[in-house]
């Protein structure tokens, strides 16, 4: 099942996101995690977060946002992060 990330998902989400950063050999710290988490739960921020569950266990996450596409004169969805 795919669903939005809820505030109760922080611990599982942060562990998966840290694994994502590690996979790409990028640094990750508490401040970055807290900032991104606050963006995901801020209705006025463009970054959104979803998760994929199997048997009620989160096994994947994705972060996406609306982005202007000038050549088409419209907005599109941009996938920032995806990790399963």
N, C-alpha and C. Protein backbone atom coordinates (compact mmCIF):
# COMPACT_ATOMS: atom_id res chain seq x y z
N UNK A 1 0.84 -1.18 0.00
CA UNK A 1 0.00 0.00 0.00
C UNK A 1 0.89 1.25 0.00
N UNK A 2 0.56 2.21 -0.80
CA UNK A 2 1.25 3.50 -0.82
C UNK A 2 0.38 4.49 -0.06
N UNK A 3 1.03 5.26 0.82
CA UNK A 3 0.28 6.24 1.61
C UNK A 3 1.20 7.40 1.98
N UNK A 4 0.62 8.55 2.37
CA UNK A 4 1.45 9.66 2.84
C UNK A 4 2.17 9.27 4.13
N UNK A 5 3.32 9.87 4.35
CA UNK A 5 4.02 9.66 5.62
C UNK A 5 3.26 10.37 6.73
N UNK A 6 3.09 9.70 7.84
CA UNK A 6 2.45 10.32 9.00
C UNK A 6 3.52 10.71 10.01
N UNK A 7 3.18 11.58 10.93
CA UNK A 7 4.15 12.02 11.93
C UNK A 7 4.66 10.86 12.77
N UNK A 8 3.88 9.81 12.90
CA UNK A 8 4.29 8.63 13.67
C UNK A 8 5.34 7.78 12.96
N UNK A 9 5.60 8.07 11.70
CA UNK A 9 6.54 7.28 10.90
C UNK A 9 7.99 7.75 11.02
N UNK A 10 8.26 8.76 11.83
CA UNK A 10 9.60 9.38 11.83
C UNK A 10 10.73 8.38 12.01
N UNK A 11 10.67 7.52 12.99
CA UNK A 11 11.80 6.61 13.26
C UNK A 11 12.09 5.68 12.10
N UNK A 12 11.05 5.07 11.55
CA UNK A 12 11.25 4.16 10.42
C UNK A 12 11.73 4.94 9.20
N UNK A 13 11.06 6.06 8.91
CA UNK A 13 11.45 6.91 7.78
C UNK A 13 12.90 7.35 7.90
N UNK A 14 13.31 7.83 9.08
CA UNK A 14 14.68 8.34 9.22
C UNK A 14 15.70 7.22 9.04
N UNK A 15 15.41 6.02 9.49
CA UNK A 15 16.34 4.91 9.27
C UNK A 15 16.47 4.58 7.78
N UNK A 16 15.36 4.59 7.07
CA UNK A 16 15.40 4.33 5.63
C UNK A 16 16.13 5.46 4.90
N UNK A 17 15.86 6.69 5.30
CA UNK A 17 16.51 7.83 4.63
C UNK A 17 18.00 7.86 4.91
N UNK A 18 18.41 7.49 6.11
CA UNK A 18 19.85 7.39 6.40
C UNK A 18 20.49 6.31 5.54
N UNK A 19 19.79 5.21 5.31
CA UNK A 19 20.31 4.16 4.42
C UNK A 19 20.43 4.67 2.98
N UNK A 20 19.48 5.48 2.56
CA UNK A 20 19.51 6.10 1.24
C UNK A 20 20.78 6.96 1.09
N UNK A 21 21.02 7.82 2.09
CA UNK A 21 22.21 8.68 2.06
C UNK A 21 23.49 7.85 2.07
N UNK A 22 23.51 6.80 2.87
CA UNK A 22 24.68 5.93 2.93
C UNK A 22 24.93 5.26 1.59
N UNK A 23 23.87 4.81 0.92
CA UNK A 23 23.99 4.17 -0.39
C UNK A 23 24.69 5.10 -1.38
N UNK A 24 24.35 6.39 -1.33
CA UNK A 24 24.94 7.37 -2.24
C UNK A 24 26.20 8.03 -1.66
N UNK A 25 26.64 7.50 -0.51
CA UNK A 25 27.86 8.01 0.14
C UNK A 25 27.76 9.51 0.42
N UNK A 26 26.61 9.91 0.91
CA UNK A 26 26.36 11.31 1.27
C UNK A 26 26.23 11.43 2.78
N UNK A 27 26.70 12.53 3.34
CA UNK A 27 26.57 12.71 4.78
C UNK A 27 25.11 12.94 5.17
N UNK A 28 24.76 12.51 6.36
CA UNK A 28 23.42 12.73 6.88
C UNK A 28 23.57 13.07 8.35
N UNK A 29 22.77 14.02 8.81
CA UNK A 29 22.81 14.39 10.21
C UNK A 29 21.40 14.68 10.73
N UNK A 30 21.31 14.83 12.02
CA UNK A 30 20.02 15.05 12.68
C UNK A 30 19.32 16.31 12.17
N UNK A 31 20.10 17.38 11.95
CA UNK A 31 19.51 18.64 11.49
C UNK A 31 18.85 18.48 10.12
N UNK A 32 19.53 17.81 9.20
CA UNK A 32 18.95 17.59 7.87
C UNK A 32 17.68 16.75 7.97
N UNK A 33 17.72 15.68 8.76
CA UNK A 33 16.54 14.83 8.93
C UNK A 33 15.37 15.63 9.49
N UNK A 34 15.62 16.43 10.51
CA UNK A 34 14.55 17.21 11.13
C UNK A 34 14.01 18.27 10.18
N UNK A 35 14.90 18.89 9.39
CA UNK A 35 14.44 19.89 8.41
C UNK A 35 13.55 19.25 7.36
N UNK A 36 14.01 18.17 6.76
CA UNK A 36 13.21 17.50 5.74
C UNK A 36 11.88 17.02 6.31
N UNK A 37 11.92 16.45 7.51
CA UNK A 37 10.69 15.96 8.14
C UNK A 37 9.70 17.10 8.36
N UNK A 38 10.20 18.27 8.75
CA UNK A 38 9.29 19.41 8.95
C UNK A 38 8.73 19.89 7.61
N UNK A 39 9.53 19.86 6.54
CA UNK A 39 9.03 20.23 5.22
C UNK A 39 7.90 19.29 4.79
N UNK A 40 8.10 17.99 4.99
CA UNK A 40 7.12 16.99 4.56
C UNK A 40 5.77 17.23 5.24
N UNK A 41 5.80 17.71 6.46
CA UNK A 41 4.55 17.89 7.22
C UNK A 41 4.06 19.33 7.25
N UNK A 42 4.67 20.19 6.44
CA UNK A 42 4.24 21.58 6.32
C UNK A 42 3.39 21.71 5.06
N UNK A 43 2.11 21.95 5.23
CA UNK A 43 1.19 22.04 4.09
C UNK A 43 1.58 23.13 3.09
N UNK A 44 2.37 24.11 3.52
CA UNK A 44 2.76 25.20 2.64
C UNK A 44 4.08 24.93 1.91
N UNK A 45 4.75 23.84 2.24
CA UNK A 45 6.02 23.50 1.59
C UNK A 45 5.77 22.57 0.41
N UNK A 46 6.59 22.69 -0.64
CA UNK A 46 6.36 21.89 -1.85
C UNK A 46 6.77 20.43 -1.69
N UNK A 47 7.69 20.12 -0.77
CA UNK A 47 8.15 18.73 -0.63
C UNK A 47 7.07 17.88 0.04
N UNK A 48 6.78 16.74 -0.56
CA UNK A 48 5.82 15.78 -0.04
C UNK A 48 6.53 14.45 0.20
N UNK A 49 5.97 13.62 1.05
CA UNK A 49 6.57 12.32 1.30
C UNK A 49 5.53 11.23 1.33
N UNK A 50 5.87 10.10 0.73
CA UNK A 50 5.00 8.93 0.75
C UNK A 50 5.83 7.72 1.15
N UNK A 51 5.13 6.67 1.52
CA UNK A 51 5.82 5.43 1.84
C UNK A 51 5.07 4.26 1.21
N UNK A 52 5.78 3.16 1.10
CA UNK A 52 5.21 1.93 0.59
C UNK A 52 5.27 0.90 1.71
N UNK A 53 4.13 0.27 1.99
CA UNK A 53 4.05 -0.72 3.06
C UNK A 53 3.75 -2.11 2.51
N UNK A 54 4.36 -3.08 3.13
CA UNK A 54 3.99 -4.48 2.92
C UNK A 54 3.68 -5.04 4.30
N UNK A 55 2.51 -5.62 4.46
CA UNK A 55 2.07 -6.16 5.75
C UNK A 55 2.24 -5.14 6.87
N UNK A 56 1.83 -3.89 6.60
CA UNK A 56 1.86 -2.78 7.57
C UNK A 56 3.28 -2.40 8.01
N UNK A 57 4.28 -2.79 7.23
CA UNK A 57 5.68 -2.45 7.51
C UNK A 57 6.20 -1.58 6.37
N UNK A 58 6.73 -0.40 6.70
CA UNK A 58 7.26 0.50 5.68
C UNK A 58 8.54 -0.10 5.10
N UNK A 59 8.55 -0.27 3.79
CA UNK A 59 9.72 -0.85 3.12
C UNK A 59 10.32 0.11 2.08
N UNK A 60 9.68 1.23 1.85
CA UNK A 60 10.20 2.18 0.88
C UNK A 60 9.64 3.56 1.12
N UNK A 61 10.39 4.58 0.70
CA UNK A 61 9.95 5.96 0.83
C UNK A 61 10.23 6.71 -0.46
N UNK A 62 9.50 7.79 -0.66
CA UNK A 62 9.75 8.68 -1.79
C UNK A 62 9.43 10.11 -1.37
N UNK A 63 10.23 11.03 -1.88
CA UNK A 63 9.99 12.46 -1.67
C UNK A 63 9.81 13.07 -3.06
N UNK A 64 8.81 13.92 -3.20
CA UNK A 64 8.53 14.52 -4.50
C UNK A 64 8.02 15.94 -4.29
N UNK A 65 7.97 16.69 -5.39
CA UNK A 65 7.50 18.07 -5.31
C UNK A 65 6.99 18.53 -6.67
N UNK A 66 6.22 19.57 -6.63
CA UNK A 66 5.76 20.24 -7.85
C UNK A 66 6.91 21.10 -8.36
N UNK A 67 7.07 21.10 -9.69
CA UNK A 67 8.16 21.86 -10.31
C UNK A 67 7.66 22.47 -11.62
N UNK A 68 7.98 23.73 -11.88
CA UNK A 68 7.58 24.31 -13.17
C UNK A 68 8.36 23.69 -14.32
N UNK A 69 7.69 23.48 -15.41
CA UNK A 69 8.31 22.97 -16.64
C UNK A 69 8.13 24.05 -17.70
N UNK A 70 9.09 25.00 -17.79
CA UNK A 70 8.93 26.15 -18.67
C UNK A 70 8.62 25.80 -20.13
N UNK A 71 9.27 24.79 -20.68
CA UNK A 71 9.09 24.47 -22.10
C UNK A 71 7.65 24.06 -22.42
N UNK A 72 6.94 23.59 -21.40
CA UNK A 72 5.54 23.20 -21.60
C UNK A 72 4.56 24.21 -21.00
N UNK A 73 5.09 25.16 -20.22
CA UNK A 73 4.22 26.16 -19.59
C UNK A 73 3.28 25.54 -18.57
N UNK A 74 3.78 24.53 -17.85
CA UNK A 74 2.95 23.86 -16.86
C UNK A 74 3.81 23.31 -15.73
N UNK A 75 3.14 22.84 -14.71
CA UNK A 75 3.84 22.22 -13.58
C UNK A 75 3.86 20.71 -13.76
N UNK A 76 4.94 20.10 -13.27
CA UNK A 76 5.07 18.65 -13.31
C UNK A 76 5.48 18.16 -11.93
N UNK A 77 5.42 16.89 -11.73
CA UNK A 77 5.92 16.29 -10.49
C UNK A 77 7.38 15.92 -10.66
N UNK A 78 8.21 16.22 -9.66
CA UNK A 78 9.63 15.91 -9.69
C UNK A 78 9.93 14.96 -8.54
N UNK A 79 10.49 13.80 -8.84
CA UNK A 79 10.84 12.82 -7.83
C UNK A 79 12.26 13.10 -7.33
N UNK A 80 12.37 13.52 -6.07
CA UNK A 80 13.68 13.83 -5.50
C UNK A 80 14.39 12.57 -4.99
N UNK A 81 13.73 11.81 -4.19
CA UNK A 81 14.34 10.65 -3.54
C UNK A 81 13.41 9.45 -3.63
N UNK A 82 13.98 8.30 -3.89
CA UNK A 82 13.22 7.06 -3.90
C UNK A 82 14.15 5.97 -3.38
N UNK A 83 13.72 5.27 -2.33
CA UNK A 83 14.56 4.20 -1.77
C UNK A 83 13.68 3.10 -1.24
N UNK A 84 13.95 1.89 -1.66
CA UNK A 84 13.18 0.71 -1.23
C UNK A 84 14.15 -0.29 -0.65
